[in-house]
Amino acid sequence: MTTVSGLLRHLADVERTWFRGQIDGQAGVSTRWSDEEPDGEFLVSPEDSLADIIKDYEEACAESREVLLRYNLDDPCTACSSGHNVRWVVTHMIEETGRHCGHLDIVRELLDGTTGE
């Protein structure tokens, strides 16, 4: 099931994976997905507060900005086996975030019935 909080958790995990893990090569960047639970980042329990989920996403974005301060856009990613550079990752994350903002807009429309122009 797609939820606002699940999408935010997903975005926090991909921020950390791409910026800290792939660009900066940091080992042990934790994610909520695993082989046993490939969509684990979308799961939210009753104990998870929306405020904490939003805070985690904001922290992940701040971590990404800190990583970007150490690199130029044309620098290769430290840990990208695909040969991507920093510019590719930034562009990918703009696309990824934009795509999920569209998903969030659909969820909002389903909840309040208001469509945008």
C-alpha atoms as a PDB file:
ATOM      1  CA  MET A   1       0.000   0.000   0.000  1.00  0.00           C
ATOM      2  CA  THR A   2       1.309   3.441  -0.894  1.00  0.00           C
ATOM      3  CA  THR A   3       1.251   5.969   1.923  1.00  0.00           C
ATOM      4  CA  VAL A   4       2.683   9.441   2.389  1.00  0.00           C
ATOM      5  CA  SER A   5       4.860   8.244   5.265  1.00  0.00           C
ATOM      6  CA  GLY A   6       6.040   5.184   3.305  1.00  0.00           C
ATOM      7  CA  LEU A   7       7.073   7.338   0.349  1.00  0.00           C
ATOM      8  CA  LEU A   8       8.985   9.685   2.648  1.00  0.00           C
ATOM      9  CA  ARG A   9      10.781   6.724   4.218  1.00  0.00           C
ATOM     10  CA  HIS A  10      11.662   5.438   0.756  1.00  0.00           C
ATOM     11  CA  LEU A  11      13.032   8.843  -0.259  1.00  0.00           C
ATOM     12  CA  ALA A  12      15.123   9.048   2.923  1.00  0.00           C
ATOM     13  CA  ASP A  13      16.630   5.632   2.206  1.00  0.00           C
ATOM     14  CA  VAL A  14      17.459   6.416  -1.430  1.00  0.00           C
ATOM     15  CA  GLU A  15      18.990   9.776  -0.428  1.00  0.00           C
ATOM     16  CA  ARG A  16      21.336   7.981   1.945  1.00  0.00           C
ATOM     17  CA  THR A  17      22.065   5.154  -0.476  1.00  0.00           C
ATOM     18  CA  TRP A  18      22.978   7.366  -3.411  1.00  0.00           C
ATOM     19  CA  PHE A  19      24.738  10.251  -1.676  1.00  0.00           C
ATOM     20  CA  ARG A  20      26.438   8.635   1.312  1.00  0.00           C
ATOM     21  CA  GLY A  21      26.814   5.146  -0.114  1.00  0.00           C
ATOM     22  CA  GLN A  22      27.412   5.620  -3.824  1.00  0.00           C
ATOM     23  CA  ILE A  23      28.916   9.112  -4.125  1.00  0.00           C
ATOM     24  CA  ASP A  24      30.866   9.154  -0.863  1.00  0.00           C
ATOM     25  CA  GLY A  25      31.561   5.423  -0.579  1.00  0.00           C
ATOM     26  CA  GLN A  26      30.503   5.224   3.070  1.00  0.00           C
ATOM     27  CA  ALA A  27      30.192   1.631   4.244  1.00  0.00           C
ATOM     28  CA  GLY A  28      27.289   0.423   6.314  1.00  0.00           C
ATOM     29  CA  VAL A  29      24.723   3.013   5.251  1.00  0.00           C
ATOM     30  CA  SER A  30      21.570   1.559   6.722  1.00  0.00           C
ATOM     31  CA  THR A  31      18.365   1.096   4.764  1.00  0.00           C
ATOM     32  CA  ARG A  32      15.003  -0.285   5.702  1.00  0.00           C
ATOM     33  CA  TRP A  33      14.965  -2.724   2.769  1.00  0.00           C
ATOM     34  CA  SER A  34      16.655  -6.090   2.822  1.00  0.00           C
ATOM     35  CA  ASP A  35      16.682  -9.386   0.949  1.00  0.00           C
ATOM     36  CA  GLU A  36      13.992 -10.613   3.345  1.00  0.00           C
ATOM     37  CA  GLU A  37      11.921  -7.411   3.045  1.00  0.00           C
ATOM     38  CA  PRO A  38      12.706  -5.775  -0.335  1.00  0.00           C
ATOM     39  CA  ASP A  39      10.051  -3.077   0.197  1.00  0.00           C
ATOM     40  CA  GLY A  40      10.835  -2.557   3.874  1.00  0.00           C
ATOM     41  CA  GLU A  41      11.285   1.186   3.554  1.00  0.00           C
ATOM     42  CA  PHE A  42       7.605   1.556   2.658  1.00  0.00           C
ATOM     43  CA  LEU A  43       6.426  -0.188   5.829  1.00  0.00           C
ATOM     44  CA  VAL A  44       5.184   1.992   8.665  1.00  0.00           C
ATOM     45  CA  SER A  45       4.055   0.736  12.055  1.00  0.00           C
ATOM     46  CA  PRO A  46       1.556   2.342  14.434  1.00  0.00           C
ATOM     47  CA  GLU A  47       4.526   3.359  16.620  1.00  0.00           C
ATOM     48  CA  ASP A  48       6.043   5.473  13.817  1.00  0.00           C
ATOM     49  CA  SER A  49       5.036   9.109  14.006  1.00  0.00           C
ATOM     50  CA  LEU A  50       4.744  11.253  10.907  1.00  0.00           C
ATOM     51  CA  ALA A  51       6.838  13.924  12.641  1.00  0.00           C
ATOM     52  CA  ASP A  52       9.700  11.448  13.120  1.00  0.00           C
ATOM     53  CA  ILE A  53       9.435  10.250   9.517  1.00  0.00           C
ATOM     54  CA  ILE A  54       9.559  13.827   8.219  1.00  0.00           C
ATOM     55  CA  LYS A  55      12.506  14.593  10.514  1.00  0.00           C
ATOM     56  CA  ASP A  56      14.368  11.529   9.209  1.00  0.00           C
ATOM     57  CA  TYR A  57      13.806  12.616   5.589  1.00  0.00           C
ATOM     58  CA  GLU A  58      15.003  16.147   6.387  1.00  0.00           C
ATOM     59  CA  GLU A  59      18.108  14.688   8.062  1.00  0.00           C
ATOM     60  CA  ALA A  60      18.787  12.451   5.044  1.00  0.00           C
ATOM     61  CA  CYS A  61      18.569  15.487   2.735  1.00  0.00           C
ATOM     62  CA  ALA A  62      20.937  17.447   4.995  1.00  0.00           C
ATOM     63  CA  GLU A  63      23.384  14.520   4.892  1.00  0.00           C
ATOM     64  CA  SER A  64      23.171  14.542   1.082  1.00  0.00           C
ATOM     65  CA  ARG A  65      23.954  18.266   0.946  1.00  0.00           C
ATOM     66  CA  GLU A  66      26.967  17.712   3.219  1.00  0.00           C
ATOM     67  CA  VAL A  67      28.271  15.011   0.873  1.00  0.00           C
ATOM     68  CA  LEU A  68      27.772  17.236  -2.178  1.00  0.00           C
ATOM     69  CA  LEU A  69      29.932  19.960  -0.638  1.00  0.00           C
ATOM     70  CA  ARG A  70      32.937  17.637  -1.023  1.00  0.00           C
ATOM     71  CA  TYR A  71      32.454  16.898  -4.733  1.00  0.00           C
ATOM     72  CA  ASN A  72      32.145  18.536  -8.127  1.00  0.00           C
ATOM     73  CA  LEU A  73      29.359  17.448 -10.453  1.00  0.00           C
ATOM     74  CA  ASP A  74      31.759  15.793 -12.882  1.00  0.00           C
ATOM     75  CA  ASP A  75      33.530  13.755 -10.187  1.00  0.00           C
ATOM     76  CA  PRO A  76      33.019  10.011 -10.454  1.00  0.00           C
ATOM     77  CA  CYS A  77      31.064   8.330  -7.689  1.00  0.00           C
ATOM     78  CA  THR A  78      33.345   6.645  -5.218  1.00  0.00           C
ATOM     79  CA  ALA A  79      31.328   3.428  -5.098  1.00  0.00           C
ATOM     80  CA  CYS A  80      29.223   3.407  -8.309  1.00  0.00           C
ATOM     81  CA  SER A  81      30.028   0.220 -10.175  1.00  0.00           C
ATOM     82  CA  SER A  82      28.054   1.645 -13.106  1.00  0.00           C
ATOM     83  CA  GLY A  83      30.553   4.468 -13.647  1.00  0.00           C
ATOM     84  CA  HIS A  84      28.047   7.219 -12.828  1.00  0.00           C
ATOM     85  CA  ASN A  85      29.290  10.621 -11.817  1.00  0.00           C
ATOM     86  CA  VAL A  86      27.884  13.000  -9.207  1.00  0.00           C
ATOM     87  CA  ARG A  87      25.882  14.912 -11.842  1.00  0.00           C
ATOM     88  CA  TRP A  88      24.081  11.698 -12.852  1.00  0.00           C
ATOM     89  CA  VAL A  89      23.157  10.958  -9.228  1.00  0.00           C
ATOM     90  CA  VAL A  90      21.859  14.497  -8.625  1.00  0.00           C
ATOM     91  CA  THR A  91      19.780  14.315 -11.810  1.00  0.00           C
ATOM     92  CA  HIS A  92      18.508  10.859 -10.883  1.00  0.00           C
ATOM     93  CA  MET A  93      17.469  12.048  -7.430  1.00  0.00           C
ATOM     94  CA  ILE A  94      15.645  15.056  -8.897  1.00  0.00           C
ATOM     95  CA  GLU A  95      13.731  12.609 -11.116  1.00  0.00           C
ATOM     96  CA  GLU A  96      13.147  10.149  -8.264  1.00  0.00           C
ATOM     97  CA  THR A  97      11.890  12.839  -5.893  1.00  0.00           C
ATOM     98  CA  GLY A  98       9.718  14.413  -8.599  1.00  0.00           C
ATOM     99  CA  ARG A  99       8.198  11.045  -9.504  1.00  0.00           C
ATOM    100  CA  HIS A 100       7.298  10.371  -5.875  1.00  0.00           C
ATOM    101  CA  CYS A 101       5.897  13.887  -5.468  1.00  0.00           C
ATOM    102  CA  GLY A 102       3.523  12.909  -8.267  1.00  0.00           C
ATOM    103  CA  HIS A 103       2.595   9.780  -6.349  1.00  0.00           C
ATOM    104  CA  LEU A 104       1.993  11.907  -3.243  1.00  0.00           C
ATOM    105  CA  ASP A 105      -0.256  14.212  -5.252  1.00  0.00           C
ATOM    106  CA  ILE A 106      -2.334  11.222  -6.397  1.00  0.00           C
ATOM    107  CA  VAL A 107      -2.667  10.025  -2.787  1.00  0.00           C
ATOM    108  CA  ARG A 108      -3.708  13.532  -1.733  1.00  0.00           C
ATOM    109  CA  GLU A 109      -6.308  13.695  -4.525  1.00  0.00           C
ATOM    110  CA  LEU A 110      -7.718  10.353  -3.392  1.00  0.00           C
ATOM    111  CA  LEU A 111      -7.997  11.672   0.152  1.00  0.00           C
ATOM    112  CA  ASP A 112      -9.476  15.121  -0.441  1.00  0.00           C
ATOM    113  CA  GLY A 113     -11.011  14.816  -3.905  1.00  0.00           C
ATOM    114  CA  THR A 114      -9.421  18.050  -5.103  1.00  0.00           C
ATOM    115  CA  THR A 115      -7.554  17.983  -8.385  1.00  0.00           C
ATOM    116  CA  GLY A 116      -4.960  20.526  -9.422  1.00  0.00           C
ATOM    117  CA  GLU A 117      -4.888  22.609 -12.557  1.00  0.00           C
END
